[in-house]
Structure formats: structure tokens, C-alpha cells
């Protein structure tokens, strides 16, 4: 290891901790993304029609990580999906599982995650009925419990934001701030969707600084001047500037996602992949 001012200040214990960090994390901190992922919700129509062929196309673009979400993946043959990923050199670090499924079918959710090779479960969305102070606070009790149960099962847990968590502010406190305050940071990480945070008027750099070590991953999609979604590199978001703060965030995964990617989808995810592959920060 190269000894510099930072490692000297860390001391022996800090040096050992750094040595234990996977190579990919070092690469990200050094200013390049070592492994670019795709949230499969981006290609959900293709995936629902032919999951194997879709994974083959995703791997051909160059992606080495995928995050399952949408496309009916939860009812598919998970062993087939796993064997396909193994054949293609794809990993599934995390997957999206809904609140009701975690509440009602927890054991099945754990089994599905482990079959697909995931090490983290992400809660992707909360519907309207939860978006008031009383219902949200009640849900946060369950969210903390999910984190505890998943940890006992050998899995991590994270919450994925949209814009409403920032814009809905019962009693003057945003739902996001309530979540951050109420949830145990060792049990509930954040999958920070940068587009939706910016769409809600948040300063992404200030947000990252407020969440040191708590960001599990980023969802990366760009924003046009009219605030609509677009592929990475086709909009106005300064991803290089944002990712310079990853030593604070300690995010391990960078997932391309475009909820509104136009058919035939592959050119859109290719543009995003190539932009992130060339990015330096």
C-alpha cells in the first residue's frame, strides 16, 4: 500500500481496515467506477418477455452487475436466472422487494434473494397510504424490523428514494428526514436515486455529506432541462462532481436506471454505460 498523509493519519488500525476493503471500492474512491450495474426495471418489458435473452443483451453491453426490479422477476425461475447470470459473468448484489412482500412473505423473499446471489435487499417504494405522519412512522417500525431480520438472515437492507420522501413534509418534517432519524444506520442504508433527489429540489452533495457511510448504492439517471429522465450523459446532472464525494458516502454500487428509457432500450442503456465507463472523478 502507498503510504500517504491519509494513511499515516489513520494509523495501524485504519491501515488494516483499508486493506480489508474490496479492490472495487478502492477503484471507485480513486476516481473510476470499477463495476457498472443496471437496474433491470429499465428494460422491464424486454425482461418480462424473455429474461434470458435480456440478460445476454445487458452483459453484451458490458454491464457486470444487475439489480432485479419489476418485469415480473419475482415469479420467474430464480435458479434459471442465477445460472444465466453465472454463465454471463453477471452478479446481482441487490434486488428490489416491495413492502407488502417483506411483511407477508419474508422467508420466501430471503430465499429468492439468496438464490439470485444478492447480499442486500432494497425496499423500492412506498404507496400513497403510507405518506402521512402516522402511517409513515408505523411503517418505519417495520422497516427497522426488516433490517434486523435481514441482518439475522445474512443480508443487508436499504431504502430507495423517489421525490415524495423529500416533498411530503407532515408537521414540517420530510418523510426522508423521519426515516433517517428513526432507522438504525447499521440496519437501514440508503439507495440514493440521484435523479429523484434532485427532482425534489435537493442538493445531492449536501445530501451525501449528511449521510456519511450510509449510502449503499446510487441510482444513476440523467435529467434534461425540462426535468424529464434521460440516459446518463444526455442531461445536466454533474455526476463527476457528485461522485467525488464517494469517500464520504462509501457507496459500493452504481446502478444505471431510466424508468422512461425508449424502446428498443439497448441503445439507451449503452449510452449510459459508456458515459459512466469514461467518467473520472
Protein backbone atom coordinates (compact mmCIF):
# COMPACT_ATOMS: atom_id res chain seq x y z
CA UNK A 1 0.00 0.00 0.00
CA UNK A 2 1.29 3.50 -0.81
CA UNK A 3 1.81 5.48 2.38
CA UNK A 4 0.43 9.00 2.15
CA UNK A 5 -0.79 11.65 4.55
CA UNK A 6 -4.19 9.97 4.84
CA UNK A 7 -2.83 6.52 5.70
CA UNK A 8 -0.34 7.98 8.15
CA UNK A 9 -3.19 9.73 9.96
CA UNK A 10 -5.24 6.53 10.01
CA UNK A 11 -2.60 4.61 11.93
CA UNK A 12 -2.16 0.85 12.01
CA UNK A 13 -5.80 0.09 12.74
CA UNK A 14 -7.01 2.29 9.92
CA UNK A 15 -4.47 0.78 7.53
CA UNK A 16 -5.79 -2.69 8.33
CA UNK A 17 -9.34 -1.52 7.74
CA UNK A 18 -8.42 -0.05 4.38
CA UNK A 19 -6.63 -3.23 3.38
CA UNK A 20 -9.81 -5.18 4.07
CA UNK A 21 -11.87 -3.07 1.65
CA UNK A 22 -12.52 -4.85 -1.68
CA UNK A 23 -10.49 -3.68 -4.67
CA UNK A 24 -13.60 -2.30 -6.39
CA UNK A 25 -14.23 0.10 -3.53
CA UNK A 26 -10.64 1.40 -3.77
CA UNK A 27 -11.09 1.88 -7.51
CA UNK A 28 -14.27 3.88 -7.01
CA UNK A 29 -12.59 6.12 -4.44
CA UNK A 30 -9.66 6.59 -6.82
CA UNK A 31 -11.98 8.20 -9.35
CA UNK A 32 -13.28 5.42 -11.58
CA UNK A 33 -16.27 3.12 -11.32
CA UNK A 34 -14.96 -0.42 -11.23
CA UNK A 35 -18.22 -2.22 -11.98
CA UNK A 36 -21.26 -0.59 -13.57
CA UNK A 37 -24.67 -2.10 -12.82
CA UNK A 38 -28.11 -1.91 -14.39
CA UNK A 39 -31.41 -1.78 -12.56
CA UNK A 40 -33.45 -4.17 -14.71
CA UNK A 41 -36.61 -2.09 -14.27
CA UNK A 42 -35.08 -0.01 -17.07
CA UNK A 43 -35.64 -2.89 -19.52
CA UNK A 44 -38.68 -4.39 -17.79
CA UNK A 45 -40.70 -5.01 -20.96
CA UNK A 46 -37.84 -6.87 -22.64
CA UNK A 47 -37.13 -8.77 -19.45
CA UNK A 48 -40.74 -9.83 -18.93
CA UNK A 49 -40.91 -11.18 -22.47
CA UNK A 50 -37.55 -13.00 -22.47
CA UNK A 51 -35.42 -12.74 -19.33
CA UNK A 52 -32.55 -14.91 -20.57
CA UNK A 53 -32.14 -13.01 -23.85
CA UNK A 54 -32.37 -9.71 -21.97
CA UNK A 55 -29.60 -10.67 -19.56
CA UNK A 56 -27.49 -11.71 -22.54
CA UNK A 57 -28.00 -8.29 -24.15
CA UNK A 58 -27.20 -6.49 -20.90
CA UNK A 59 -23.97 -8.46 -20.48
CA UNK A 60 -23.01 -7.82 -24.10
CA UNK A 61 -23.18 -4.06 -23.48
CA UNK A 62 -20.58 -4.55 -20.75
CA UNK A 63 -22.58 -4.48 -17.54
CA UNK A 64 -21.27 -6.81 -14.84
CA UNK A 65 -23.90 -6.17 -12.16
CA UNK A 66 -27.68 -6.18 -12.29
CA UNK A 67 -30.31 -5.27 -9.75
CA UNK A 68 -33.61 -7.05 -10.14
CA UNK A 69 -36.77 -4.94 -10.01
CA UNK A 70 -40.00 -5.14 -11.98
CA UNK A 71 -40.59 -7.21 -15.07
CA UNK A 72 -42.21 -9.96 -13.02
CA UNK A 73 -38.87 -11.35 -11.90
CA UNK A 74 -40.29 -12.42 -8.53
CA UNK A 75 -42.47 -15.09 -10.18
CA UNK A 76 -39.79 -16.43 -12.54
CA UNK A 77 -37.48 -19.42 -12.24
CA UNK A 78 -34.79 -17.97 -9.99
CA UNK A 79 -32.43 -20.89 -10.46
CA UNK A 80 -32.56 -20.32 -14.22
CA UNK A 81 -31.89 -16.62 -13.75
CA UNK A 82 -28.94 -17.39 -11.48
CA UNK A 83 -27.43 -19.95 -13.84
CA UNK A 84 -27.81 -17.49 -16.71
CA UNK A 85 -26.02 -14.79 -14.73
CA UNK A 86 -23.24 -17.21 -13.79
CA UNK A 87 -22.79 -18.12 -17.44
CA UNK A 88 -22.62 -14.46 -18.48
CA UNK A 89 -20.38 -13.26 -15.67
CA UNK A 90 -23.13 -11.14 -14.09
CA UNK A 91 -23.58 -10.54 -10.37
CA UNK A 92 -26.72 -9.48 -8.51
CA UNK A 93 -25.53 -7.55 -5.44
CA UNK A 94 -29.07 -6.42 -4.60
CA UNK A 95 -32.69 -6.67 -5.63
CA UNK A 96 -35.89 -4.71 -5.09
CA UNK A 97 -38.59 -6.29 -2.93
CA UNK A 98 -41.80 -4.47 -2.00
CA UNK A 99 -43.00 -3.58 1.48
CA UNK A 100 -46.02 -5.91 1.43
CA UNK A 101 -43.92 -8.85 0.25
CA UNK A 102 -41.45 -8.32 3.09
CA UNK A 103 -44.34 -8.01 5.51
CA UNK A 104 -46.28 -11.08 4.35
CA UNK A 105 -43.71 -13.41 2.71
CA UNK A 106 -40.45 -12.63 4.45
CA UNK A 107 -38.94 -16.13 4.35
CA UNK A 108 -39.74 -16.51 0.65
CA UNK A 109 -38.14 -13.13 -0.05
CA UNK A 110 -34.95 -14.20 1.73
CA UNK A 111 -34.85 -17.45 -0.20
CA UNK A 112 -35.33 -15.62 -3.51
CA UNK A 113 -32.58 -13.11 -2.70
CA UNK A 114 -30.12 -15.85 -1.80
CA UNK A 115 -30.93 -17.95 -4.86
CA UNK A 116 -30.18 -14.93 -7.05
CA UNK A 117 -26.94 -14.32 -5.20
CA UNK A 118 -27.95 -10.99 -3.68
CA UNK A 119 -26.40 -9.77 -0.45
CA UNK A 120 -28.73 -6.78 0.02
CA UNK A 121 -32.49 -6.31 -0.20
CA UNK A 122 -33.75 -2.87 -1.26
CA UNK A 123 -37.20 -1.52 -0.42
CA UNK A 124 -38.07 0.35 -3.63
CA UNK A 125 -41.28 2.31 -3.00
CA UNK A 126 -44.00 3.21 -0.55
CA UNK A 127 -47.53 3.78 -1.82
CA UNK A 128 -49.76 6.77 -1.04
CA UNK A 129 -51.44 5.25 2.01
CA UNK A 130 -48.14 5.36 3.90
CA UNK A 131 -47.40 9.01 3.14
CA UNK A 132 -48.75 10.72 6.23
CA UNK A 133 -47.10 11.16 9.61
CA UNK A 134 -48.92 8.40 11.47
CA UNK A 135 -48.75 5.77 8.70
CA UNK A 136 -45.13 6.60 7.88
CA UNK A 137 -44.00 6.33 11.48
CA UNK A 138 -45.79 2.99 11.76
CA UNK A 139 -44.09 1.76 8.59
CA UNK A 140 -40.69 2.85 9.91
CA UNK A 141 -41.11 0.44 12.81
CA UNK A 142 -41.49 -2.37 10.28
CA UNK A 143 -38.62 -1.06 8.15
CA UNK A 144 -36.30 -1.20 11.15
CA UNK A 145 -37.57 -4.70 11.88
CA UNK A 146 -36.94 -5.78 8.28
CA UNK A 147 -33.36 -4.56 8.63
CA UNK A 148 -32.88 -6.54 11.83
CA UNK A 149 -34.43 -9.69 10.38
CA UNK A 150 -32.44 -9.45 7.17
CA UNK A 151 -29.20 -8.98 9.09
CA UNK A 152 -30.00 -12.13 11.07
CA UNK A 153 -30.51 -13.89 7.73
CA UNK A 154 -27.12 -12.68 6.48
CA UNK A 155 -28.45 -9.92 4.22
CA UNK A 156 -28.14 -6.16 4.16
CA UNK A 157 -31.06 -3.76 3.73
CA UNK A 158 -31.51 -0.38 2.05
CA UNK A 159 -34.30 2.07 1.22
CA UNK A 160 -34.63 3.54 -2.28
CA UNK A 161 -35.97 7.08 -2.52
CA UNK A 162 -38.17 8.82 -5.03
CA UNK A 163 -39.07 12.52 -4.79
CA UNK A 164 -42.05 12.29 -2.42
CA UNK A 165 -39.89 11.44 0.59
CA UNK A 166 -38.46 14.96 0.35
CA UNK A 167 -41.53 16.88 -0.78
CA UNK A 168 -44.09 15.38 1.64
CA UNK A 169 -43.48 17.16 4.93
CA UNK A 170 -46.11 16.36 7.57
CA UNK A 171 -45.75 18.70 10.54
CA UNK A 172 -42.86 20.37 8.73
CA UNK A 173 -40.54 17.33 8.72
CA UNK A 174 -39.92 15.45 5.48
CA UNK A 175 -40.57 11.74 5.25
CA UNK A 176 -36.92 11.28 4.33
CA UNK A 177 -35.68 13.07 7.44
CA UNK A 178 -38.06 10.98 9.54
CA UNK A 179 -36.65 7.80 8.01
CA UNK A 180 -33.03 8.82 8.52
CA UNK A 181 -33.68 9.78 12.14
CA UNK A 182 -35.84 6.78 13.08
CA UNK A 183 -33.95 3.98 11.34
CA UNK A 184 -30.82 2.34 12.72
CA UNK A 185 -27.95 3.29 10.35
CA UNK A 186 -26.41 -0.13 10.89
CA UNK A 187 -29.58 -1.84 9.69
CA UNK A 188 -31.09 0.51 7.07
CA UNK A 189 -28.85 2.02 4.39
CA UNK A 190 -29.91 4.34 1.56
CA UNK A 191 -30.01 3.56 -2.13
CA UNK A 192 -29.78 7.16 -3.28
CA UNK A 193 -31.65 7.83 -6.51
CA UNK A 194 -29.87 10.99 -7.59
CA UNK A 195 -32.41 11.96 -10.24
CA UNK A 196 -35.36 11.85 -7.86
CA UNK A 197 -33.50 13.67 -5.10
CA UNK A 198 -32.56 16.48 -7.50
CA UNK A 199 -36.09 16.47 -8.94
CA UNK A 200 -37.34 17.12 -5.38
CA UNK A 201 -35.07 20.16 -5.09
CA UNK A 202 -32.31 18.54 -3.04
CA UNK A 203 -28.63 19.44 -3.32
CA UNK A 204 -27.14 15.97 -3.89
CA UNK A 205 -23.74 16.95 -2.48
CA UNK A 206 -25.25 18.30 0.72
CA UNK A 207 -27.38 15.18 0.96
CA UNK A 208 -24.36 12.91 0.62
CA UNK A 209 -22.46 14.89 3.24
CA UNK A 210 -25.39 14.40 5.63
CA UNK A 211 -25.27 10.61 5.17
CA UNK A 212 -21.62 9.62 5.79
CA UNK A 213 -21.12 5.90 5.33
CA UNK A 214 -24.84 5.32 4.99
CA UNK A 215 -25.29 5.20 1.21
CA UNK A 216 -25.35 1.63 -0.09
CA UNK A 217 -25.61 2.49 -3.77
CA UNK A 218 -26.57 5.14 -6.30
CA UNK A 219 -29.28 5.02 -8.94
CA UNK A 220 -27.86 6.93 -11.86
CA UNK A 221 -30.08 8.53 -14.48
CA UNK A 222 -29.82 11.96 -16.03
CA UNK A 223 -32.18 14.93 -16.19
CA UNK A 224 -32.98 17.09 -19.20
CA UNK A 225 -33.52 20.85 -18.79
CA UNK A 226 -37.28 20.16 -18.74
CA UNK A 227 -36.62 17.78 -15.79
CA UNK A 228 -37.57 14.64 -17.70
CA UNK A 229 -35.43 11.50 -17.45
CA UNK A 230 -32.77 10.58 -19.95
CA UNK A 231 -29.72 8.38 -20.33
CA UNK A 232 -26.57 9.25 -18.41
CA UNK A 233 -24.60 11.85 -20.34
CA UNK A 234 -27.64 13.19 -22.17
CA UNK A 235 -28.71 15.59 -19.43
CA UNK A 236 -27.48 18.19 -17.00
CA UNK A 237 -26.50 16.33 -13.79
CA UNK A 238 -22.84 16.68 -12.79
CA UNK A 239 -22.16 13.06 -11.87
CA UNK A 240 -18.38 13.55 -11.76
CA UNK A 241 -18.78 16.28 -9.17
CA UNK A 242 -21.22 14.21 -7.13
CA UNK A 243 -19.12 11.05 -7.17
CA UNK A 244 -16.07 12.95 -5.89
CA UNK A 245 -17.81 12.67 -2.53
CA UNK A 246 -17.91 8.90 -2.58
CA UNK A 247 -15.20 8.69 0.06
CA UNK A 248 -17.87 10.17 2.34
CA UNK A 249 -20.78 8.16 1.00
CA UNK A 250 -18.87 4.87 0.69
CA UNK A 251 -21.38 3.68 -1.92
CA UNK A 252 -20.42 0.29 -3.31
CA UNK A 253 -22.62 0.12 -6.41
CA UNK A 254 -23.59 2.41 -9.28
CA UNK A 255 -26.78 1.26 -10.97
CA UNK A 256 -27.94 2.80 -14.23
CA UNK A 257 -31.69 3.25 -14.24
CA UNK A 258 -34.01 5.05 -16.64
CA UNK A 259 -37.68 4.49 -15.82
CA UNK A 260 -38.59 6.05 -19.16
CA UNK A 261 -35.97 4.53 -21.46
CA UNK A 262 -37.33 4.48 -25.03
CA UNK A 263 -37.68 1.25 -26.99
CA UNK A 264 -35.63 -0.64 -28.10
CA UNK A 265 -33.90 0.19 -24.75
CA UNK A 266 -30.45 -1.22 -25.54
CA UNK A 267 -29.14 2.00 -27.17
CA UNK A 268 -30.25 3.92 -24.07
CA UNK A 269 -28.50 1.64 -21.58
CA UNK A 270 -25.44 1.52 -23.84
CA UNK A 271 -25.16 5.32 -23.80
CA UNK A 272 -25.37 5.34 -20.01
CA UNK A 273 -22.82 2.55 -19.68
CA UNK A 274 -20.30 4.20 -21.99
CA UNK A 275 -20.66 7.54 -20.21
CA UNK A 276 -20.06 6.04 -16.78
CA UNK A 277 -17.18 3.89 -18.03
CA UNK A 278 -15.41 7.02 -19.29
CA UNK A 279 -16.21 9.09 -16.21
CA UNK A 280 -13.40 10.31 -13.99
CA UNK A 281 -13.98 11.98 -10.65
